All heavy atoms as atom14 arrays in JSON, in Angstrom:
{
  "sequence": "RSGDLPGDLILKTSVMMAPANPSSARLLEDLGATTV",
  "atom14_mask": [
    [1, 1, 1, 1, 1, 1, 1, 1, 1, 1, 1, 0, 0, 0],
    [1, 1, 1, 1, 1, 1, 0, 0, 0, 0, 0, 0, 0, 0],
    [1, 1, 1, 1, 0, 0, 0, 0, 0, 0, 0, 0, 0, 0],
    [1, 1, 1, 1, 1, 1, 1, 1, 0, 0, 0, 0, 0, 0],
    [1, 1, 1, 1, 1, 1, 1, 1, 0, 0, 0, 0, 0, 0],
    [1, 1, 1, 1, 1, 1, 1, 0, 0, 0, 0, 0, 0, 0],
    [1, 1, 1, 1, 0, 0, 0, 0, 0, 0, 0, 0, 0, 0],
    [1, 1, 1, 1, 1, 1, 1, 1, 0, 0, 0, 0, 0, 0],
    [1, 1, 1, 1, 1, 1, 1, 1, 0, 0, 0, 0, 0, 0],
    [1, 1, 1, 1, 1, 1, 1, 1, 0, 0, 0, 0, 0, 0],
    [1, 1, 1, 1, 1, 1, 1, 1, 0, 0, 0, 0, 0, 0],
    [1, 1, 1, 1, 1, 1, 1, 1, 1, 0, 0, 0, 0, 0],
    [1, 1, 1, 1, 1, 1, 1, 0, 0, 0, 0, 0, 0, 0],
    [1, 1, 1, 1, 1, 1, 0, 0, 0, 0, 0, 0, 0, 0],
    [1, 1, 1, 1, 1, 1, 1, 0, 0, 0, 0, 0, 0, 0],
    [1, 1, 1, 1, 1, 1, 1, 1, 0, 0, 0, 0, 0, 0],
    [1, 1, 1, 1, 1, 1, 1, 1, 0, 0, 0, 0, 0, 0],
    [1, 1, 1, 1, 1, 0, 0, 0, 0, 0, 0, 0, 0, 0],
    [1, 1, 1, 1, 1, 1, 1, 0, 0, 0, 0, 0, 0, 0],
    [1, 1, 1, 1, 1, 0, 0, 0, 0, 0, 0, 0, 0, 0],
    [1, 1, 1, 1, 1, 1, 1, 1, 0, 0, 0, 0, 0, 0],
    [1, 1, 1, 1, 1, 1, 1, 0, 0, 0, 0, 0, 0, 0],
    [1, 1, 1, 1, 1, 1, 0, 0, 0, 0, 0, 0, 0, 0],
    [1, 1, 1, 1, 1, 1, 0, 0, 0, 0, 0, 0, 0, 0],
    [1, 1, 1, 1, 1, 0, 0, 0, 0, 0, 0, 0, 0, 0],
    [1, 1, 1, 1, 1, 1, 1, 1, 1, 1, 1, 0, 0, 0],
    [1, 1, 1, 1, 1, 1, 1, 1, 0, 0, 0, 0, 0, 0],
    [1, 1, 1, 1, 1, 1, 1, 1, 0, 0, 0, 0, 0, 0],
    [1, 1, 1, 1, 1, 1, 1, 1, 1, 0, 0, 0, 0, 0],
    [1, 1, 1, 1, 1, 1, 1, 1, 0, 0, 0, 0, 0, 0],
    [1, 1, 1, 1, 1, 1, 1, 1, 0, 0, 0, 0, 0, 0],
    [1, 1, 1, 1, 0, 0, 0, 0, 0, 0, 0, 0, 0, 0],
    [1, 1, 1, 1, 1, 0, 0, 0, 0, 0, 0, 0, 0, 0],
    [1, 1, 1, 1, 1, 1, 1, 0, 0, 0, 0, 0, 0, 0],
    [1, 1, 1, 1, 1, 1, 1, 0, 0, 0, 0, 0, 0, 0],
    [1, 1, 1, 1, 1, 1, 1, 0, 0, 0, 0, 0, 0, 0]
  ],
  "atom14_positions": [
    [[11.73, 2.21, 2.47], [12.33, 2.0, 3.79], [13.85, 2.05, 3.73], [14.51, 2.47, 4.7], [11.86, 0.67, 4.38], [10.38, 0.66, 4.77], [10.02, -0.59, 5.56], [10.06, -1.8, 4.76], [9.04, -2.26, 4.03], [7.9, -1.58, 3.98], [9.17, -3.38, 3.35], [0.0, 0.0, 0.0], [0.0, 0.0, 0.0], [0.0, 0.0, 0.0]],
    [[14.44, 1.65, 2.6], [15.9, 1.66, 2.47], [16.44, 3.02, 2.06], [17.65, 3.25, 2.07], [16.34, 0.62, 1.44], [15.94, 1.01, 0.12], [0.0, 0.0, 0.0], [0.0, 0.0, 0.0], [0.0, 0.0, 0.0], [0.0, 0.0, 0.0], [0.0, 0.0, 0.0], [0.0, 0.0, 0.0], [0.0, 0.0, 0.0], [0.0, 0.0, 0.0]],
    [[15.56, 3.93, 1.68], [15.98, 5.25, 1.24], [16.24, 5.36, -0.24], [16.63, 6.42, -0.74], [0.0, 0.0, 0.0], [0.0, 0.0, 0.0], [0.0, 0.0, 0.0], [0.0, 0.0, 0.0], [0.0, 0.0, 0.0], [0.0, 0.0, 0.0], [0.0, 0.0, 0.0], [0.0, 0.0, 0.0], [0.0, 0.0, 0.0], [0.0, 0.0, 0.0]],
    [[16.03, 4.27, -0.99], [16.23, 4.3, -2.44], [15.09, 5.01, -3.17], [15.24, 5.4, -4.33], [16.38, 2.88, -2.98], [17.67, 2.21, -2.5], [18.75, 2.8, -2.74], [17.6, 1.15, -1.87], [0.0, 0.0, 0.0], [0.0, 0.0, 0.0], [0.0, 0.0, 0.0], [0.0, 0.0, 0.0], [0.0, 0.0, 0.0], [0.0, 0.0, 0.0]],
    [[13.96, 5.14, -2.53], [12.86, 5.99, -2.99], [12.53, 6.96, -1.86], [12.77, 6.65, -0.68], [11.63, 5.15, -3.35], [11.68, 4.35, -4.66], [10.43, 3.47, -4.78], [11.8, 5.26, -5.87], [0.0, 0.0, 0.0], [0.0, 0.0, 0.0], [0.0, 0.0, 0.0], [0.0, 0.0, 0.0], [0.0, 0.0, 0.0], [0.0, 0.0, 0.0]],
    [[12.01, 8.13, -2.16], [11.73, 9.11, -1.11], [10.79, 8.56, -0.03], [9.81, 7.87, -0.34], [11.05, 10.26, -1.87], [11.53, 10.13, -3.28], [11.68, 8.65, -3.52], [0.0, 0.0, 0.0], [0.0, 0.0, 0.0], [0.0, 0.0, 0.0], [0.0, 0.0, 0.0], [0.0, 0.0, 0.0], [0.0, 0.0, 0.0], [0.0, 0.0, 0.0]],
    [[11.12, 8.88, 1.2], [10.3, 8.39, 2.3], [8.89, 8.95, 2.31], [7.98, 8.34, 2.87], [0.0, 0.0, 0.0], [0.0, 0.0, 0.0], [0.0, 0.0, 0.0], [0.0, 0.0, 0.0], [0.0, 0.0, 0.0], [0.0, 0.0, 0.0], [0.0, 0.0, 0.0], [0.0, 0.0, 0.0], [0.0, 0.0, 0.0], [0.0, 0.0, 0.0]],
    [[8.69, 10.13, 1.67], [7.36, 10.73, 1.64], [6.57, 10.34, 0.39], [5.5, 10.9, 0.14], [7.45, 12.25, 1.75], [8.13, 12.91, 0.55], [8.76, 12.18, -0.25], [8.03, 14.14, 0.41], [0.0, 0.0, 0.0], [0.0, 0.0, 0.0], [0.0, 0.0, 0.0], [0.0, 0.0, 0.0], [0.0, 0.0, 0.0], [0.0, 0.0, 0.0]],
    [[7.1, 9.38, -0.39], [6.4, 8.96, -1.61], [5.12, 8.23, -1.25], [5.12, 7.24, -0.52], [7.31, 8.05, -2.44], [6.73, 7.53, -3.76], [6.47, 8.68, -4.73], [7.67, 6.5, -4.38], [0.0, 0.0, 0.0], [0.0, 0.0, 0.0], [0.0, 0.0, 0.0], [0.0, 0.0, 0.0], [0.0, 0.0, 0.0], [0.0, 0.0, 0.0]],
    [[4.0, 8.71, -1.78], [2.71, 8.07, -1.54], [2.57, 6.89, -2.5], [2.78, 7.04, -3.7], [1.56, 9.07, -1.76], [1.61, 10.15, -0.68], [0.2, 8.37, -1.74], [0.69, 11.32, -0.96], [0.0, 0.0, 0.0], [0.0, 0.0, 0.0], [0.0, 0.0, 0.0], [0.0, 0.0, 0.0], [0.0, 0.0, 0.0], [0.0, 0.0, 0.0]],
    [[2.24, 5.73, -1.97], [1.97, 4.54, -2.77], [0.48, 4.25, -2.67], [0.0, 3.76, -1.65], [2.8, 3.34, -2.29], [4.32, 3.52, -2.36], [5.03, 2.27, -1.87], [4.77, 3.87, -3.78], [0.0, 0.0, 0.0], [0.0, 0.0, 0.0], [0.0, 0.0, 0.0], [0.0, 0.0, 0.0], [0.0, 0.0, 0.0], [0.0, 0.0, 0.0]],
    [[-0.22, 4.57, -3.71], [-1.67, 4.41, -3.77], [-1.99, 3.14, -4.55], [-1.5, 2.95, -5.66], [-2.28, 5.64, -4.45], [-3.75, 5.56, -4.85], [-4.17, 6.92, -5.45], [-5.41, 6.83, -6.3], [-6.6, 6.41, -5.57], [0.0, 0.0, 0.0], [0.0, 0.0, 0.0], [0.0, 0.0, 0.0], [0.0, 0.0, 0.0], [0.0, 0.0, 0.0]],
    [[-2.81, 2.26, -3.98], [-3.13, 1.03, -4.68], [-4.36, 1.22, -5.56], [-5.28, 1.95, -5.24], [-3.37, -0.13, -3.71], [-4.41, 0.21, -2.78], [-2.1, -0.45, -2.94], [0.0, 0.0, 0.0], [0.0, 0.0, 0.0], [0.0, 0.0, 0.0], [0.0, 0.0, 0.0], [0.0, 0.0, 0.0], [0.0, 0.0, 0.0], [0.0, 0.0, 0.0]],
    [[-4.35, 0.52, -6.69], [-5.38, 0.67, -7.71], [-6.64, -0.11, -7.36], [-6.59, -1.15, -6.69], [-4.84, 0.16, -9.05], [-5.86, 0.01, -10.0], [0.0, 0.0, 0.0], [0.0, 0.0, 0.0], [0.0, 0.0, 0.0], [0.0, 0.0, 0.0], [0.0, 0.0, 0.0], [0.0, 0.0, 0.0], [0.0, 0.0, 0.0], [0.0, 0.0, 0.0]],
    [[-7.77, 0.37, -7.87], [-9.03, -0.36, -7.74], [-8.95, -1.7, -8.46], [-9.73, -2.61, -8.17], [-10.21, 0.49, -8.27], [-10.16, 0.61, -9.79], [-11.55, -0.06, -7.81], [0.0, 0.0, 0.0], [0.0, 0.0, 0.0], [0.0, 0.0, 0.0], [0.0, 0.0, 0.0], [0.0, 0.0, 0.0], [0.0, 0.0, 0.0], [0.0, 0.0, 0.0]],
    [[-7.99, -1.85, -9.37], [-7.84, -3.11, -10.09], [-7.19, -4.2, -9.24], [-7.07, -5.34, -9.66], [-7.03, -2.9, -11.37], [-7.64, -1.87, -12.33], [-9.39, -2.19, -12.7], [-9.26, -3.69, -13.66], [0.0, 0.0, 0.0], [0.0, 0.0, 0.0], [0.0, 0.0, 0.0], [0.0, 0.0, 0.0], [0.0, 0.0, 0.0], [0.0, 0.0, 0.0]],
    [[-6.73, -3.86, -8.03], [-6.26, -4.86, -7.07], [-6.9, -4.58, -5.71], [-6.31, -4.79, -4.67], [-4.72, -4.86, -6.97], [-4.11, -3.55, -6.55], [-2.3, -3.61, -6.45], [-2.06, -4.5, -4.92], [0.0, 0.0, 0.0], [0.0, 0.0, 0.0], [0.0, 0.0, 0.0], [0.0, 0.0, 0.0], [0.0, 0.0, 0.0], [0.0, 0.0, 0.0]],
    [[-8.16, -4.13, -5.76], [-8.84, -3.67, -4.56], [-9.11, -4.82, -3.59], [-9.63, -5.86, -3.98], [-10.17, -3.0, -4.94], [0.0, 0.0, 0.0], [0.0, 0.0, 0.0], [0.0, 0.0, 0.0], [0.0, 0.0, 0.0], [0.0, 0.0, 0.0], [0.0, 0.0, 0.0], [0.0, 0.0, 0.0], [0.0, 0.0, 0.0], [0.0, 0.0, 0.0]],
    [[-8.77, -4.64, -2.3], [-9.04, -5.66, -1.29], [-10.5, -5.62, -0.85], [-11.05, -4.57, -0.57], [-8.12, -5.26, -0.13], [-8.04, -3.76, -0.24], [-8.11, -3.45, -1.72], [0.0, 0.0, 0.0], [0.0, 0.0, 0.0], [0.0, 0.0, 0.0], [0.0, 0.0, 0.0], [0.0, 0.0, 0.0], [0.0, 0.0, 0.0], [0.0, 0.0, 0.0]],
    [[-11.13, -6.79, -0.8], [-12.55, -6.86, -0.45], [-12.79, -7.34, 0.97], [-13.93, -7.54, 1.38], [-13.28, -7.77, -1.43], [0.0, 0.0, 0.0], [0.0, 0.0, 0.0], [0.0, 0.0, 0.0], [0.0, 0.0, 0.0], [0.0, 0.0, 0.0], [0.0, 0.0, 0.0], [0.0, 0.0, 0.0], [0.0, 0.0, 0.0], [0.0, 0.0, 0.0]],
    [[-11.72, -7.52, 1.75], [-11.88, -7.95, 3.14], [-10.77, -7.33, 3.99], [-9.76, -6.85, 3.46], [-11.87, -9.48, 3.25], [-10.55, -10.08, 2.81], [-9.54, -9.94, 3.49], [-10.55, -10.76, 1.66], [0.0, 0.0, 0.0], [0.0, 0.0, 0.0], [0.0, 0.0, 0.0], [0.0, 0.0, 0.0], [0.0, 0.0, 0.0], [0.0, 0.0, 0.0]],
    [[-10.95, -7.31, 5.32], [-9.98, -6.63, 6.18], [-8.57, -7.2, 6.11], [-7.59, -6.46, 6.17], [-10.57, -6.82, 7.59], [-12.03, -7.03, 7.37], [-12.13, -7.78, 6.07], [0.0, 0.0, 0.0], [0.0, 0.0, 0.0], [0.0, 0.0, 0.0], [0.0, 0.0, 0.0], [0.0, 0.0, 0.0], [0.0, 0.0, 0.0], [0.0, 0.0, 0.0]],
    [[-8.44, -8.53, 5.98], [-7.11, -9.13, 5.95], [-6.34, -8.72, 4.7], [-5.15, -8.4, 4.76], [-7.23, -10.66, 6.02], [-5.95, -11.26, 6.05], [0.0, 0.0, 0.0], [0.0, 0.0, 0.0], [0.0, 0.0, 0.0], [0.0, 0.0, 0.0], [0.0, 0.0, 0.0], [0.0, 0.0, 0.0], [0.0, 0.0, 0.0], [0.0, 0.0, 0.0]],
    [[-7.01, -8.72, 3.56], [-6.35, -8.31, 2.31], [-5.94, -6.84, 2.37], [-4.87, -6.47, 1.9], [-7.29, -8.55, 1.12], [-7.55, -9.92, 0.95], [0.0, 0.0, 0.0], [0.0, 0.0, 0.0], [0.0, 0.0, 0.0], [0.0, 0.0, 0.0], [0.0, 0.0, 0.0], [0.0, 0.0, 0.0], [0.0, 0.0, 0.0], [0.0, 0.0, 0.0]],
    [[-6.81, -6.01, 2.95], [-6.48, -4.59, 3.08], [-5.25, -4.39, 3.97], [-4.36, -3.6, 3.66], [-7.67, -3.82, 3.64], [0.0, 0.0, 0.0], [0.0, 0.0, 0.0], [0.0, 0.0, 0.0], [0.0, 0.0, 0.0], [0.0, 0.0, 0.0], [0.0, 0.0, 0.0], [0.0, 0.0, 0.0], [0.0, 0.0, 0.0], [0.0, 0.0, 0.0]],
    [[-5.2, -5.13, 5.07], [-4.04, -5.01, 5.97], [-2.77, -5.48, 5.29], [-1.69, -4.91, 5.49], [-4.28, -5.8, 7.26], [-3.11, -5.69, 8.22], [-3.36, -6.41, 9.52], [-4.33, -5.73, 10.34], [-4.75, -6.18, 11.52], [-4.28, -7.33, 11.99], [-5.64, -5.5, 12.22], [0.0, 0.0, 0.0], [0.0, 0.0, 0.0], [0.0, 0.0, 0.0]],
    [[-2.87, -6.52, 4.46], [-1.69, -7.01, 3.74], [-1.12, -5.91, 2.85], [0.1, -5.68, 2.83], [-2.06, -8.23, 2.9], [-0.96, -8.76, 1.97], [0.24, -9.24, 2.79], [-1.49, -9.88, 1.09], [0.0, 0.0, 0.0], [0.0, 0.0, 0.0], [0.0, 0.0, 0.0], [0.0, 0.0, 0.0], [0.0, 0.0, 0.0], [0.0, 0.0, 0.0]],
    [[-1.99, -5.2, 2.12], [-1.51, -4.12, 1.26], [-0.84, -3.03, 2.1], [0.21, -2.5, 1.72], [-2.66, -3.54, 0.45], [-3.32, -4.47, -0.57], [-4.4, -3.73, -1.35], [-2.31, -5.08, -1.52], [0.0, 0.0, 0.0], [0.0, 0.0, 0.0], [0.0, 0.0, 0.0], [0.0, 0.0, 0.0], [0.0, 0.0, 0.0], [0.0, 0.0, 0.0]],
    [[-1.44, -2.69, 3.22], [-0.85, -1.67, 4.09], [0.5, -2.14, 4.62], [1.47, -1.37, 4.65], [-1.8, -1.36, 5.25], [-1.34, -0.2, 6.12], [-2.34, 0.11, 7.21], [-2.76, -0.82, 7.95], [-2.71, 1.3, 7.37], [0.0, 0.0, 0.0], [0.0, 0.0, 0.0], [0.0, 0.0, 0.0], [0.0, 0.0, 0.0], [0.0, 0.0, 0.0]],
    [[0.58, -3.4, 5.02], [1.85, -3.94, 5.53], [2.94, -3.92, 4.45], [4.13, -3.73, 4.76], [1.67, -5.37, 6.03], [0.87, -5.45, 7.33], [0.7, -4.4, 7.98], [0.41, -6.56, 7.67], [0.0, 0.0, 0.0], [0.0, 0.0, 0.0], [0.0, 0.0, 0.0], [0.0, 0.0, 0.0], [0.0, 0.0, 0.0], [0.0, 0.0, 0.0]],
    [[2.56, -4.1, 3.2], [3.54, -4.12, 2.11], [4.02, -2.72, 1.74], [5.03, -2.57, 1.06], [2.93, -4.79, 0.88], [2.73, -6.3, 0.97], [2.02, -6.82, -0.28], [4.05, -7.03, 1.17], [0.0, 0.0, 0.0], [0.0, 0.0, 0.0], [0.0, 0.0, 0.0], [0.0, 0.0, 0.0], [0.0, 0.0, 0.0], [0.0, 0.0, 0.0]],
    [[3.28, -1.7, 2.18], [3.74, -0.34, 1.91], [2.7, 0.61, 1.37], [3.01, 1.78, 1.13], [0.0, 0.0, 0.0], [0.0, 0.0, 0.0], [0.0, 0.0, 0.0], [0.0, 0.0, 0.0], [0.0, 0.0, 0.0], [0.0, 0.0, 0.0], [0.0, 0.0, 0.0], [0.0, 0.0, 0.0], [0.0, 0.0, 0.0], [0.0, 0.0, 0.0]],
    [[1.46, 0.14, 1.17], [0.42, 1.03, 0.67], [0.14, 2.13, 1.69], [-0.08, 1.85, 2.87], [-0.86, 0.25, 0.38], [0.0, 0.0, 0.0], [0.0, 0.0, 0.0], [0.0, 0.0, 0.0], [0.0, 0.0, 0.0], [0.0, 0.0, 0.0], [0.0, 0.0, 0.0], [0.0, 0.0, 0.0], [0.0, 0.0, 0.0], [0.0, 0.0, 0.0]],
    [[0.15, 3.37, 1.22], [-0.16, 4.49, 2.11], [-1.57, 5.01, 1.89], [-2.05, 5.85, 2.66], [0.85, 5.64, 1.91], [0.97, 5.92, 0.51], [2.21, 5.26, 2.45], [0.0, 0.0, 0.0], [0.0, 0.0, 0.0], [0.0, 0.0, 0.0], [0.0, 0.0, 0.0], [0.0, 0.0, 0.0], [0.0, 0.0, 0.0], [0.0, 0.0, 0.0]],
    [[-2.25, 4.52, 0.86], [-3.66, 4.83, 0.64], [-4.22, 3.69, -0.2], [-3.6, 3.24, -1.16], [-3.84, 6.22, -0.02], [-5.21, 6.45, -0.35], [-2.99, 6.38, -1.26], [0.0, 0.0, 0.0], [0.0, 0.0, 0.0], [0.0, 0.0, 0.0], [0.0, 0.0, 0.0], [0.0, 0.0, 0.0], [0.0, 0.0, 0.0], [0.0, 0.0, 0.0]],
    [[-5.39, 3.16, 0.2], [-5.88, 1.89, -0.33], [-7.23, 2.08, -1.01], [-8.2, 2.51, -0.39], [-6.02, 0.85, 0.81], [-6.6, -0.46, 0.28], [-4.66, 0.59, 1.47], [0.0, 0.0, 0.0], [0.0, 0.0, 0.0], [0.0, 0.0, 0.0], [0.0, 0.0, 0.0], [0.0, 0.0, 0.0], [0.0, 0.0, 0.0], [0.0, 0.0, 0.0]]
  ]
}
């Protein structure tokens, strides 16, 4: 968001921190995950 990393950089979250409920999934998306 600050431009210090490319705006088109995909941030994919690992299955090793996989969210098992809707709230956890939304939290990852809110933090910047572009694919969960």
